[in-house]
PDB file of N, CA and C in Angstrom:
ATOM      1  N   MET A   1      99.056 182.292 138.257  1.00  0.00           N
ATOM      2  CA  MET A   1      98.291 181.062 138.055  1.00  0.00           C
ATOM      3  C   MET A   1      98.420 180.179 139.280  1.00  0.00           C
ATOM      4  N   LYS A   2      97.282 179.675 139.776  1.00  0.00           N
ATOM      5  CA  LYS A   2      97.285 178.840 140.969  1.00  0.00           C
ATOM      6  C   LYS A   2      97.682 177.421 140.612  1.00  0.00           C
ATOM      7  N   LYS A   3      98.434 176.820 141.515  1.00  0.00           N
ATOM      8  CA  LYS A   3      98.796 175.423 141.329  1.00  0.00           C
ATOM      9  C   LYS A   3      97.650 174.547 141.825  1.00  0.00           C
ATOM     10  N   PRO A   4      97.364 173.447 141.118  1.00  0.00           N
ATOM     11  CA  PRO A   4      96.316 172.557 141.623  1.00  0.00           C
ATOM     12  C   PRO A   4      96.775 171.917 142.930  1.00  0.00           C
ATOM     13  N   GLN A   5      95.838 171.842 143.870  1.00  0.00           N
ATOM     14  CA  GLN A   5      96.173 171.272 145.158  1.00  0.00           C
ATOM     15  C   GLN A   5      96.280 169.762 145.053  1.00  0.00           C
ATOM     16  N   LYS A   6      97.312 169.251 145.692  1.00  0.00           N
ATOM     17  CA  LYS A   6      97.489 167.795 145.729  1.00  0.00           C
ATOM     18  C   LYS A   6      96.739 167.256 146.922  1.00  0.00           C
ATOM     19  N   LYS A   7      96.190 166.095 146.747  1.00  0.00           N
ATOM     20  CA  LYS A   7      95.550 165.430 147.878  1.00  0.00           C
ATOM     21  C   LYS A   7      96.642 164.884 148.769  1.00  0.00           C
ATOM     22  N   SER A   8      96.430 165.028 150.032  1.00  0.00           N
ATOM     23  CA  SER A   8      97.431 164.490 150.956  1.00  0.00           C
ATOM     24  C   SER A   8      97.345 162.963 150.918  1.00  0.00           C
ATOM     25  N   GLY A   9      98.401 162.321 151.274  1.00  0.00           N
ATOM     26  CA  GLY A   9      98.437 160.865 151.286  1.00  0.00           C
ATOM     27  C   GLY A   9      97.392 160.280 152.220  1.00  0.00           C
ATOM     28  N   VAL A  10      97.050 161.014 153.265  1.00  0.00           N
ATOM     29  CA  VAL A  10      96.077 160.524 154.242  1.00  0.00           C
ATOM     30  C   VAL A  10      94.688 160.440 153.621  1.00  0.00           C
ATOM     31  N   SER A  11      94.268 161.510 152.919  1.00  0.00           N
ATOM     32  CA  SER A  11      92.920 161.487 152.348  1.00  0.00           C
ATOM     33  C   SER A  11      92.798 160.458 151.226  1.00  0.00           C
ATOM     34  N   GLU A  12      93.877 160.281 150.459  1.00  0.00           N
ATOM     35  CA  GLU A  12      93.852 159.245 149.406  1.00  0.00           C
ATOM     36  C   GLU A  12      93.670 157.862 150.050  1.00  0.00           C
ATOM     37  N   ASN A  13      94.388 157.646 151.148  1.00  0.00           N
ATOM     38  CA  ASN A  13      94.323 156.370 151.847  1.00  0.00           C
ATOM     39  C   ASN A  13      92.915 156.126 152.387  1.00  0.00           C
ATOM     40  N   ILE A  14      92.274 157.161 152.924  1.00  0.00           N
ATOM     41  CA  ILE A  14      90.908 157.037 153.450  1.00  0.00           C
ATOM     42  C   ILE A  14      89.946 156.700 152.328  1.00  0.00           C
ATOM     43  N   GLU A  15      90.088 157.361 151.172  1.00  0.00           N
ATOM     44  CA  GLU A  15      89.206 157.086 150.033  1.00  0.00           C
ATOM     45  C   GLU A  15      89.382 155.657 149.544  1.00  0.00           C
ATOM     46  N   GLU A  16      90.621 155.186 149.504  1.00  0.00           N
ATOM     47  CA  GLU A  16      90.882 153.801 149.068  1.00  0.00           C
ATOM     48  C   GLU A  16      90.235 152.807 150.037  1.00  0.00           C
ATOM     49  N   LYS A  17      90.358 153.085 151.341  1.00  0.00           N
ATOM     50  CA  LYS A  17      89.763 152.182 152.327  1.00  0.00           C
ATOM     51  C   LYS A  17      88.241 152.185 152.228  1.00  0.00           C
ATOM     52  N   ALA A  18      87.642 153.364 151.980  1.00  0.00           N
ATOM     53  CA  ALA A  18      86.195 153.440 151.837  1.00  0.00           C
ATOM     54  C   ALA A  18      85.738 152.646 150.620  1.00  0.00           C
ATOM     55  N   GLU A  19      86.471 152.758 149.536  1.00  0.00           N
ATOM     56  CA  GLU A  19      86.133 152.014 148.319  1.00  0.00           C
ATOM     57  C   GLU A  19      86.252 150.511 148.559  1.00  0.00           C
ATOM     58  N   GLN A  20      87.296 150.111 149.286  1.00  0.00           N
ATOM     59  CA  GLN A  20      87.489 148.694 149.593  1.00  0.00           C
ATOM     60  C   GLN A  20      86.348 148.179 150.473  1.00  0.00           C
ATOM     61  N   LYS A  21      85.893 148.994 151.439  1.00  0.00           N
ATOM     62  CA  LYS A  21      84.782 148.587 152.297  1.00  0.00           C
ATOM     63  C   LYS A  21      83.532 148.354 151.481  1.00  0.00           C
ATOM     64  N   LYS A  22      83.261 149.251 150.503  1.00  0.00           N
ATOM     65  CA  LYS A  22      82.087 149.080 149.642  1.00  0.00           C
ATOM     66  C   LYS A  22      82.134 147.747 148.940  1.00  0.00           C
ATOM     67  N   GLU A  23      83.312 147.383 148.440  1.00  0.00           N
ATOM     68  CA  GLU A  23      83.461 146.124 147.733  1.00  0.00           C
ATOM     69  C   GLU A  23      83.273 144.942 148.676  1.00  0.00           C
ATOM     70  N   ASP A  24      83.766 145.069 149.928  1.00  0.00           N
ATOM     71  CA  ASP A  24      83.629 143.988 150.896  1.00  0.00           C
ATOM     72  C   ASP A  24      82.176 143.785 151.308  1.00  0.00           C
ATOM     73  N   VAL A  25      81.434 144.885 151.496  1.00  0.00           N
ATOM     74  CA  VAL A  25      80.052 144.811 151.954  1.00  0.00           C
ATOM     75  C   VAL A  25      79.126 144.315 150.861  1.00  0.00           C
ATOM     76  N   ASN A  26      79.324 144.769 149.634  1.00  0.00           N
ATOM     77  CA  ASN A  26      78.462 144.398 148.513  1.00  0.00           C
ATOM     78  C   ASN A  26      79.238 143.595 147.481  1.00  0.00           C
ATOM     79  N   PRO A  27      79.573 142.377 147.784  1.00  0.00           N
ATOM     80  CA  PRO A  27      80.300 141.599 146.787  1.00  0.00           C
ATOM     81  C   PRO A  27      79.403 141.315 145.590  1.00  0.00           C
ATOM     82  N   LYS A  28      79.996 141.313 144.421  1.00  0.00           N
ATOM     83  CA  LYS A  28      79.224 140.999 143.221  1.00  0.00           C
ATOM     84  C   LYS A  28      78.772 139.554 143.318  1.00  0.00           C
ATOM     85  N   SER A  29      77.590 139.274 142.786  1.00  0.00           N
ATOM     86  CA  SER A  29      77.021 137.939 142.935  1.00  0.00           C
ATOM     87  C   SER A  29      77.911 136.862 142.325  1.00  0.00           C
ATOM     88  N   GLU A  30      78.647 137.192 141.254  1.00  0.00           N
ATOM     89  CA  GLU A  30      79.501 136.171 140.659  1.00  0.00           C
ATOM     90  C   GLU A  30      80.733 135.894 141.521  1.00  0.00           C
ATOM     91  N   ASP A  31      81.083 136.824 142.411  1.00  0.00           N
ATOM     92  CA  ASP A  31      82.228 136.648 143.299  1.00  0.00           C
ATOM     93  C   ASP A  31      81.839 135.940 144.591  1.00  0.00           C
ATOM     94  N   ARG A  32      80.565 135.863 144.883  1.00  0.00           N
ATOM     95  CA  ARG A  32      80.094 135.288 146.141  1.00  0.00           C
ATOM     96  C   ARG A  32      80.304 133.790 146.163  1.00  0.00           C
ATOM     97  N   LYS A  33      80.787 133.288 147.304  1.00  0.00           N
ATOM     98  CA  LYS A  33      80.979 131.855 147.445  1.00  0.00           C
ATOM     99  C   LYS A  33      79.630 131.192 147.648  1.00  0.00           C
ATOM    100  N   MET A  34      79.374 130.131 146.923  1.00  0.00           N
ATOM    101  CA  MET A  34      78.111 129.399 147.032  1.00  0.00           C
ATOM    102  C   MET A  34      78.391 128.031 147.680  1.00  0.00           C
ATOM    103  N   TYR A  35      77.414 127.565 148.442  1.00  0.00           N
ATOM    104  CA  TYR A  35      77.542 126.301 149.152  1.00  0.00           C
ATOM    105  C   TYR A  35      76.473 125.330 148.668  1.00  0.00           C
ATOM    106  N   PRO A  36      76.836 124.052 148.508  1.00  0.00           N
ATOM    107  CA  PRO A  36      75.839 123.064 148.077  1.00  0.00           C
ATOM    108  C   PRO A  36      74.868 122.778 149.223  1.00  0.00           C
ATOM    109  N   ALA A  37      73.608 122.559 148.864  1.00  0.00           N
ATOM    110  CA  ALA A  37      72.576 122.282 149.857  1.00  0.00           C
ATOM    111  C   ALA A  37      71.460 121.494 149.215  1.00  0.00           C
ATOM    112  N   ILE A  38      70.560 121.001 150.049  1.00  0.00           N
ATOM    113  CA  ILE A  38      69.355 120.326 149.569  1.00  0.00           C
ATOM    114  C   ILE A  38      68.164 121.107 150.129  1.00  0.00           C
ATOM    115  N   CYS A  39      67.267 121.504 149.230  1.00  0.00           N
ATOM    116  CA  CYS A  39      66.107 122.311 149.614  1.00  0.00           C
ATOM    117  C   CYS A  39      65.210 121.516 150.570  1.00  0.00           C
ATOM    118  N   SER A  40      64.852 122.142 151.688  1.00  0.00           N
ATOM    119  CA  SER A  40      64.010 121.460 152.669  1.00  0.00           C
ATOM    120  C   SER A  40      62.542 121.401 152.228  1.00  0.00           C
ATOM    121  N   GLU A  41      62.180 122.178 151.195  1.00  0.00           N
ATOM    122  CA  GLU A  41      60.794 122.171 150.689  1.00  0.00           C
ATOM    123  C   GLU A  41      60.597 121.109 149.606  1.00  0.00           C
ATOM    124  N   CYS A  42      61.431 121.186 148.542  1.00  0.00           N
ATOM    125  CA  CYS A  42      61.218 120.298 147.392  1.00  0.00           C
ATOM    126  C   CYS A  42      62.228 119.144 147.311  1.00  0.00           C
ATOM    127  N   GLY A  43      63.304 119.182 148.098  1.00  0.00           N
ATOM    128  CA  GLY A  43      64.283 118.103 148.106  1.00  0.00           C
ATOM    129  C   GLY A  43      65.311 118.162 146.991  1.00  0.00           C
ATOM    130  N   GLU A  44      65.283 119.199 146.171  1.00  0.00           N
ATOM    131  CA  GLU A  44      66.223 119.341 145.050  1.00  0.00           C
ATOM    132  C   GLU A  44      67.567 119.847 145.549  1.00  0.00           C
ATOM    133  N   LYS A  45      68.634 119.481 144.808  1.00  0.00           N
ATOM    134  CA  LYS A  45      69.959 120.020 145.113  1.00  0.00           C
ATOM    135  C   LYS A  45      70.007 121.467 144.638  1.00  0.00           C
ATOM    136  N   CYS A  46      70.652 122.308 145.427  1.00  0.00           N
ATOM    137  CA  CYS A  46      70.760 123.722 145.071  1.00  0.00           C
ATOM    138  C   CYS A  46      72.027 124.303 145.663  1.00  0.00           C
ATOM    139  N   GLU A  47      72.289 125.569 145.356  1.00  0.00           N
ATOM    140  CA  GLU A  47      73.415 126.287 145.934  1.00  0.00           C
ATOM    141  C   GLU A  47      72.877 127.515 146.637  1.00  0.00           C
ATOM    142  N   VAL A  48      73.433 127.800 147.805  1.00  0.00           N
ATOM    143  CA  VAL A  48      72.996 128.961 148.584  1.00  0.00           C
ATOM    144  C   VAL A  48      74.218 129.802 148.947  1.00  0.00           C
ATOM    145  N   PRO A  49      74.026 131.118 149.144  1.00  0.00           N
ATOM    146  CA  PRO A  49      75.165 132.002 149.422  1.00  0.00           C
ATOM    147  C   PRO A  49      75.584 132.042 150.899  1.00  0.00           C
ATOM    148  N   PHE A  50      75.251 131.004 151.647  1.00  0.00           N
ATOM    149  CA  PHE A  50      75.645 130.906 153.053  1.00  0.00           C
ATOM    150  C   PHE A  50      75.893 129.447 153.368  1.00  0.00           C
ATOM    151  N   GLU A  51      76.642 129.189 154.411  1.00  0.00           N
ATOM    152  CA  GLU A  51      76.937 127.812 154.773  1.00  0.00           C
ATOM    153  C   GLU A  51      75.739 127.240 155.536  1.00  0.00           C
ATOM    154  N   PRO A  52      75.112 126.191 155.007  1.00  0.00           N
ATOM    155  CA  PRO A  52      73.947 125.603 155.683  1.00  0.00           C
ATOM    156  C   PRO A  52      74.320 125.048 157.057  1.00  0.00           C
ATOM    157  N   VAL A  53      73.391 125.231 158.006  1.00  0.00           N
ATOM    158  CA  VAL A  53      73.582 124.715 159.371  1.00  0.00           C
ATOM    159  C   VAL A  53      72.560 123.614 159.593  1.00  0.00           C
ATOM    160  N   GLU A  54      73.023 122.512 160.157  1.00  0.00           N
ATOM    161  CA  GLU A  54      72.130 121.391 160.390  1.00  0.00           C
ATOM    162  C   GLU A  54      70.997 121.789 161.323  1.00  0.00           C
ATOM    163  N   GLY A  55      69.782 121.385 160.968  1.00  0.00           N
ATOM    164  CA  GLY A  55      68.628 121.699 161.787  1.00  0.00           C
ATOM    165  C   GLY A  55      67.887 122.956 161.347  1.00  0.00           C
ATOM    166  N   LYS A  56      68.498 123.761 160.484  1.00  0.00           N
ATOM    167  CA  LYS A  56      67.825 124.963 159.980  1.00  0.00           C
ATOM    168  C   LYS A  56      67.427 124.717 158.532  1.00  0.00           C
ATOM    169  N   PRO A  57      66.189 125.060 158.173  1.00  0.00           N
ATOM    170  CA  PRO A  57      65.728 124.815 156.796  1.00  0.00           C
ATOM    171  C   PRO A  57      66.474 125.670 155.773  1.00  0.00           C
ATOM    172  N   VAL A  58      66.681 125.092 154.592  1.00  0.00           N
ATOM    173  CA  VAL A  58      67.316 125.780 153.477  1.00  0.00           C
ATOM    174  C   VAL A  58      66.360 125.666 152.303  1.00  0.00           C
ATOM    175  N   LYS A  59      66.131 126.760 151.594  1.00  0.00           N
ATOM    176  CA  LYS A  59      65.236 126.737 150.442  1.00  0.00           C
ATOM    177  C   LYS A  59      65.979 127.095 149.171  1.00  0.00           C
ATOM    178  N   CYS A  60      65.628 126.400 148.081  1.00  0.00           N
ATOM    179  CA  CYS A  60      66.186 126.759 146.774  1.00  0.00           C
ATOM    180  C   CYS A  60      65.544 128.080 146.337  1.00  0.00           C
ATOM    181  N   LYS A  61      66.060 128.652 145.277  1.00  0.00           N
ATOM    182  CA  LYS A  61      65.576 129.956 144.815  1.00  0.00           C
ATOM    183  C   LYS A  61      64.083 129.946 144.519  1.00  0.00           C
ATOM    184  N   GLU A  62      63.596 128.892 143.858  1.00  0.00           N
ATOM    185  CA  GLU A  62      62.182 128.814 143.492  1.00  0.00           C
ATOM    186  C   GLU A  62      61.287 128.711 144.720  1.00  0.00           C
ATOM    187  N   CYS A  63      61.652 127.839 145.671  1.00  0.00           N
ATOM    188  CA  CYS A  63      60.836 127.677 146.894  1.00  0.00           C
ATOM    189  C   CYS A  63      60.896 128.937 147.748  1.00  0.00           C
ATOM    190  N   TYR A  64      62.032 129.618 147.750  1.00  0.00           N
ATOM    191  CA  TYR A  64      62.157 130.865 148.513  1.00  0.00           C
ATOM    192  C   TYR A  64      61.196 131.911 147.947  1.00  0.00           C
ATOM    193  N   LYS A  65      61.142 132.006 146.613  1.00  0.00           N
ATOM    194  CA  LYS A  65      60.243 132.978 145.981  1.00  0.00           C
ATOM    195  C   LYS A  65      58.782 132.648 146.247  1.00  0.00           C
ATOM    196  N   LYS A  66      58.434 131.359 146.266  1.00  0.00           N
ATOM    197  CA  LYS A  66      57.051 130.952 146.522  1.00  0.00           C
ATOM    198  C   LYS A  66      56.591 131.366 147.913  1.00  0.00           C
ATOM    199  N   GLY A  67      57.477 131.315 148.894  1.00  0.00           N
ATOM    200  CA  GLY A  67      57.131 131.612 150.266  1.00  0.00           C
ATOM    201  C   GLY A  67      57.045 133.092 150.591  1.00  0.00           C
ATOM    202  N   ARG A  68      57.552 133.945 149.706  1.00  0.00           N
ATOM    203  CA  ARG A  68      57.517 135.381 149.969  1.00  0.00           C
ATOM    204  C   ARG A  68      56.133 135.930 149.723  1.00  0.00           C
ATOM    205  N   PRO A  69      55.716 136.895 150.520  1.00  0.00           N
ATOM    206  CA  PRO A  69      54.390 137.496 150.289  1.00  0.00           C
ATOM    207  C   PRO A  69      54.357 138.264 148.976  1.00  0.00           C
ATOM    208  N   LYS A  70      53.205 138.234 148.335  1.00  0.00           N
ATOM    209  CA  LYS A  70      53.032 138.961 147.078  1.00  0.00           C
ATOM    210  C   LYS A  70      53.075 140.450 147.359  1.00  0.00           C
ATOM    211  N   ARG A  71      53.671 141.198 146.452  1.00  0.00           N
ATOM    212  CA  ARG A  71      53.745 142.648 146.605  1.00  0.00           C
ATOM    213  C   ARG A  71      52.598 143.286 145.833  1.00  0.00           C
ATOM    214  N   PHE A  72      52.058 144.337 146.404  1.00  0.00           N
ATOM    215  CA  PHE A  72      51.009 145.085 145.737  1.00  0.00           C
ATOM    216  C   PHE A  72      51.641 146.149 144.871  1.00  0.00           C
ATOM    217  N   LYS A  73      50.887 146.666 143.917  1.00  0.00           N
ATOM    218  CA  LYS A  73      51.414 147.670 143.003  1.00  0.00           C
ATOM    219  C   LYS A  73      51.867 148.933 143.728  1.00  0.00           C
ATOM    220  N   ASN A  74      51.207 149.297 144.826  1.00  0.00           N
ATOM    221  CA  ASN A  74      51.559 150.527 145.504  1.00  0.00           C
ATOM    222  C   ASN A  74      52.674 150.332 146.531  1.00  0.00           C
ATOM    223  N   ASN A  75      53.175 149.106 146.706  1.00  0.00           N
ATOM    224  CA  ASN A  75      54.280 148.777 147.595  1.00  0.00           C
ATOM    225  C   ASN A  75      54.056 149.213 149.046  1.00  0.00           C
ATOM    226  N   ARG A  76      52.833 149.411 149.444  1.00  0.00           N
ATOM    227  CA  ARG A  76      52.567 149.790 150.828  1.00  0.00           C
ATOM    228  C   ARG A  76      52.044 148.602 151.634  1.00  0.00           C
ATOM    229  N   GLY A  77      51.823 147.486 150.974  1.00  0.00           N
ATOM    230  CA  GLY A  77      51.366 146.305 151.682  1.00  0.00           C
ATOM    231  C   GLY A  77      49.871 146.228 151.867  1.00  0.00           C
ATOM    232  N   PHE A  78      49.105 147.152 151.322  1.00  0.00           N
ATOM    233  CA  PHE A  78      47.657 147.086 151.429  1.00  0.00           C
ATOM    234  C   PHE A  78      47.042 147.654 150.153  1.00  0.00           C
ATOM    235  N   LYS A  79      45.803 147.238 149.894  1.00  0.00           N
ATOM    236  CA  LYS A  79      45.089 147.780 148.740  1.00  0.00           C
ATOM    237  C   LYS A  79      44.330 149.023 149.188  1.00  0.00           C
ATOM    238  N   ARG A  80      44.351 150.021 148.352  1.00  0.00           N
ATOM    239  CA  ARG A  80      43.656 151.265 148.678  1.00  0.00           C
ATOM    240  C   ARG A  80      42.156 151.098 148.494  1.00  0.00           C
ATOM    241  N   GLU A  81      41.421 151.696 149.395  1.00  0.00           N
ATOM    242  CA  GLU A  81      39.969 151.707 149.268  1.00  0.00           C
ATOM    243  C   GLU A  81      39.606 152.807 148.263  1.00  0.00           C
ATOM    244  N   MET A  82      38.785 152.465 147.293  1.00  0.00           N
ATOM    245  CA  MET A  82      38.382 153.432 146.270  1.00  0.00           C
ATOM    246  C   MET A  82      36.978 153.951 146.598  1.00  0.00           C
ATOM    247  N   HIS A  83      36.728 155.227 146.266  1.00  0.00           N
ATOM    248  CA  HIS A  83      35.453 155.872 146.563  1.00  0.00           C
ATOM    249  C   HIS A  83      34.832 156.400 145.269  1.00  0.00           C
ATOM    250  N   GLU A  84      33.514 156.276 145.166  1.00  0.00           N
ATOM    251  CA  GLU A  84      32.780 156.770 144.002  1.00  0.00           C
ATOM    252  C   GLU A  84      32.756 158.295 144.022  1.00  0.00           C
ATOM    253  N   ALA A  85      32.887 158.887 142.819  1.00  0.00           N
ATOM    254  CA  ALA A  85      32.846 160.348 142.701  1.00  0.00           C
ATOM    255  C   ALA A  85      32.397 160.715 141.305  1.00  0.00           C
ATOM    256  N   ILE A  86      32.153 161.998 141.077  1.00  0.00           N
ATOM    257  CA  ILE A  86      31.796 162.526 139.754  1.00  0.00           C
ATOM    258  C   ILE A  86      32.840 163.569 139.387  1.00  0.00           C
ATOM    259  N   CYS A  87      33.410 163.409 138.191  1.00  0.00           N
ATOM    260  CA  CYS A  87      34.461 164.322 137.731  1.00  0.00           C
ATOM    261  C   CYS A  87      33.894 165.739 137.580  1.00  0.00           C
ATOM    262  N   SER A  88      34.611 166.718 138.092  1.00  0.00           N
ATOM    263  CA  SER A  88      34.169 168.120 138.034  1.00  0.00           C
ATOM    264  C   SER A  88      34.247 168.706 136.624  1.00  0.00           C
ATOM    265  N   LYS A  89      35.095 168.132 135.755  1.00  0.00           N
ATOM    266  CA  LYS A  89      35.241 168.665 134.399  1.00  0.00           C
ATOM    267  C   LYS A  89      34.298 168.013 133.402  1.00  0.00           C
ATOM    268  N   CYS A  90      34.272 166.672 133.366  1.00  0.00           N
ATOM    269  CA  CYS A  90      33.493 165.970 132.328  1.00  0.00           C
ATOM    270  C   CYS A  90      32.203 165.342 132.860  1.00  0.00           C
ATOM    271  N   ASN A  91      31.979 165.404 134.151  1.00  0.00           N
ATOM    272  CA  ASN A  91      30.790 164.849 134.812  1.00  0.00           C
ATOM    273  C   ASN A  91      30.627 163.336 134.700  1.00  0.00           C
ATOM    274  N   LYS A  92      31.721 162.624 134.429  1.00  0.00           N
ATOM    275  CA  LYS A  92      31.681 161.167 134.374  1.00  0.00           C
ATOM    276  C   LYS A  92      31.810 160.602 135.782  1.00  0.00           C
ATOM    277  N   ASN A  93      31.210 159.415 135.958  1.00  0.00           N
ATOM    278  CA  ASN A  93      31.408 158.696 137.229  1.00  0.00           C
ATOM    279  C   ASN A  93      32.838 158.161 137.234  1.00  0.00           C
ATOM    280  N   CYS A  94      33.477 158.225 138.376  1.00  0.00           N
ATOM    281  CA  CYS A  94      34.854 157.730 138.497  1.00  0.00           C
ATOM    282  C   CYS A  94      35.094 157.252 139.923  1.00  0.00           C
ATOM    283  N   GLN A  95      36.250 156.649 140.123  1.00  0.00           N
ATOM    284  CA  GLN A  95      36.648 156.213 141.456  1.00  0.00           C
ATOM    285  C   GLN A  95      37.954 156.917 141.807  1.00  0.00           C
ATOM    286  N   VAL A  96      38.054 157.345 143.065  1.00  0.00           N
ATOM    287  CA  VAL A  96      39.256 158.024 143.538  1.00  0.00           C
ATOM    288  C   VAL A  96      39.741 157.352 144.828  1.00  0.00           C
ATOM    289  N   PRO A  97      41.055 157.410 145.094  1.00  0.00           N
ATOM    290  CA  PRO A  97      41.599 156.720 146.273  1.00  0.00           C
ATOM    291  C   PRO A  97      41.488 157.516 147.568  1.00  0.00           C
ATOM    292  N   PHE A  98      40.566 158.472 147.622  1.00  0.00           N
ATOM    293  CA  PHE A  98      40.329 159.246 148.837  1.00  0.00           C
ATOM    294  C   PHE A  98      38.849 159.535 148.948  1.00  0.00           C
ATOM    295  N   LYS A  99      38.407 159.865 150.121  1.00  0.00           N
ATOM    296  CA  LYS A  99      36.981 160.144 150.320  1.00  0.00           C
ATOM    297  C   LYS A  99      36.721 161.611 149.990  1.00  0.00           C
ATOM    298  N   PRO A 100      35.946 161.898 148.924  1.00  0.00           N
ATOM    299  CA  PRO A 100      35.674 163.282 148.553  1.00  0.00           C
ATOM    300  C   PRO A 100      34.918 164.018 149.666  1.00  0.00           C
ATOM    301  N   ASN A 101      35.327 165.277 149.911  1.00  0.00           N
ATOM    302  CA  ASN A 101      34.663 166.043 150.963  1.00  0.00           C
ATOM    303  C   ASN A 101      33.842 167.208 150.394  1.00  0.00           C
ATOM    304  N   GLY A 102      33.850 167.377 149.063  1.00  0.00           N
ATOM    305  CA  GLY A 102      33.066 168.439 148.431  1.00  0.00           C
ATOM    306  C   GLY A 102      33.738 169.800 148.426  1.00  0.00           C
ATOM    307  N   LYS A 103      34.871 169.951 149.074  1.00  0.00           N
ATOM    308  CA  LYS A 103      35.555 171.249 149.136  1.00  0.00           C
ATOM    309  C   LYS A 103      36.469 171.486 147.938  1.00  0.00           C
ATOM    310  N   LYS A 104      36.986 170.402 147.345  1.00  0.00           N
ATOM    311  CA  LYS A 104      37.894 170.528 146.204  1.00  0.00           C
ATOM    312  C   LYS A 104      37.301 169.808 144.999  1.00  0.00           C
ATOM    313  N   PRO A 105      37.652 170.271 143.792  1.00  0.00           N
ATOM    314  CA  PRO A 105      37.143 169.590 142.590  1.00  0.00           C
ATOM    315  C   PRO A 105      37.761 168.199 142.456  1.00  0.00           C
ATOM    316  N   ILE A 106      36.971 167.282 141.932  1.00  0.00           N
ATOM    317  CA  ILE A 106      37.406 165.894 141.706  1.00  0.00           C
ATOM    318  C   ILE A 106      37.620 165.727 140.208  1.00  0.00           C
ATOM    319  N   LEU A 107      38.751 165.116 139.829  1.00  0.00           N
ATOM    320  CA  LEU A 107      39.025 164.848 138.412  1.00  0.00           C
ATOM    321  C   LEU A 107      39.145 163.352 138.202  1.00  0.00           C
ATOM    322  N   CYS A 108      38.552 162.870 137.101  1.00  0.00           N
ATOM    323  CA  CYS A 108      38.725 161.473 136.725  1.00  0.00           C
ATOM    324  C   CYS A 108      40.164 161.318 136.224  1.00  0.00           C
ATOM    325  N   LYS A 109      40.576 160.109 136.000  1.00  0.00           N
ATOM    326  CA  LYS A 109      41.975 159.857 135.577  1.00  0.00           C
ATOM    327  C   LYS A 109      42.316 160.598 134.296  1.00  0.00           C
ATOM    328  N   GLU A 110      41.401 160.535 133.309  1.00  0.00           N
ATOM    329  CA  GLU A 110      41.671 161.168 132.025  1.00  0.00           C
ATOM    330  C   GLU A 110      41.806 162.687 132.169  1.00  0.00           C
ATOM    331  N   CYS A 111      40.892 163.315 132.881  1.00  0.00           N
ATOM    332  CA  CYS A 111      40.959 164.768 133.060  1.00  0.00           C
ATOM    333  C   CYS A 111      42.168 165.169 133.902  1.00  0.00           C
ATOM    334  N   TYR A 112      42.501 164.343 134.875  1.00  0.00           N
ATOM    335  CA  TYR A 112      43.677 164.620 135.701  1.00  0.00           C
ATOM    336  C   TYR A 112      44.945 164.610 134.851  1.00  0.00           C
ATOM    337  N   LEU A 113      45.076 163.574 134.000  1.00  0.00           N
ATOM    338  CA  LEU A 113      46.267 163.475 133.148  1.00  0.00           C
ATOM    339  C   LEU A 113      46.325 164.636 132.157  1.00  0.00           C
ATOM    340  N   LYS A 114      45.167 165.068 131.617  1.00  0.00           N
ATOM    341  CA  LYS A 114      45.150 166.216 130.712  1.00  0.00           C
ATOM    342  C   LYS A 114      45.606 167.485 131.436  1.00  0.00           C
ATOM    343  N   SER A 115      45.209 167.634 132.689  1.00  0.00           N
ATOM    344  CA  SER A 115      45.581 168.836 133.446  1.00  0.00           C
ATOM    345  C   SER A 115      47.068 168.878 133.765  1.00  0.00           C
ATOM    346  N   LYS A 116      47.722 167.721 133.755  1.00  0.00           N
ATOM    347  CA  LYS A 116      49.154 167.659 134.052  1.00  0.00           C
ATOM    348  C   LYS A 116      50.006 168.026 132.841  1.00  0.00           C
ATOM    349  N   GLU A 117      49.410 168.025 131.633  1.00  0.00           N
ATOM    350  CA  GLU A 117      50.170 168.287 130.409  1.00  0.00           C
ATOM    351  C   GLU A 117      50.563 169.730 130.284  1.00  0.00           C
TER     352      GLU A 117
END
C-alpha cells in the first residue's frame, strides 16, 4: 500500500501566500475602507472607496451610474443591423442579423428554436 505524499512545507507556504494575495487584491466590499466626500454633481454627502483628492471630481453612486454609457443587450457597444428575409421552412417574413446571400437556408426565430430541440 502506497503512503500518501505529504506536501512539502515550501509548496504549502506558496499556496498560503497565493491565497493571501487573492484576498489583498479583491477585498470584500464590507472590508473596504470608505472615505467621506461630497458629490461634485449633486452636492450630496457620500462615501467613496478611495481618498478624495482636492481638485478632482468625486461622484456619489447615483451620479456615477447616470454618467456611464448605456449597455446594449448584445454587449458589443452597437446595435446590429437587421435584414429582411423569408424563412425557408414556414415561408414567413422575418428579420435576421446578417445579410442573406441565398446559399444557405434562412430560418425565422421560431423555426430556428424548433430545429435546436
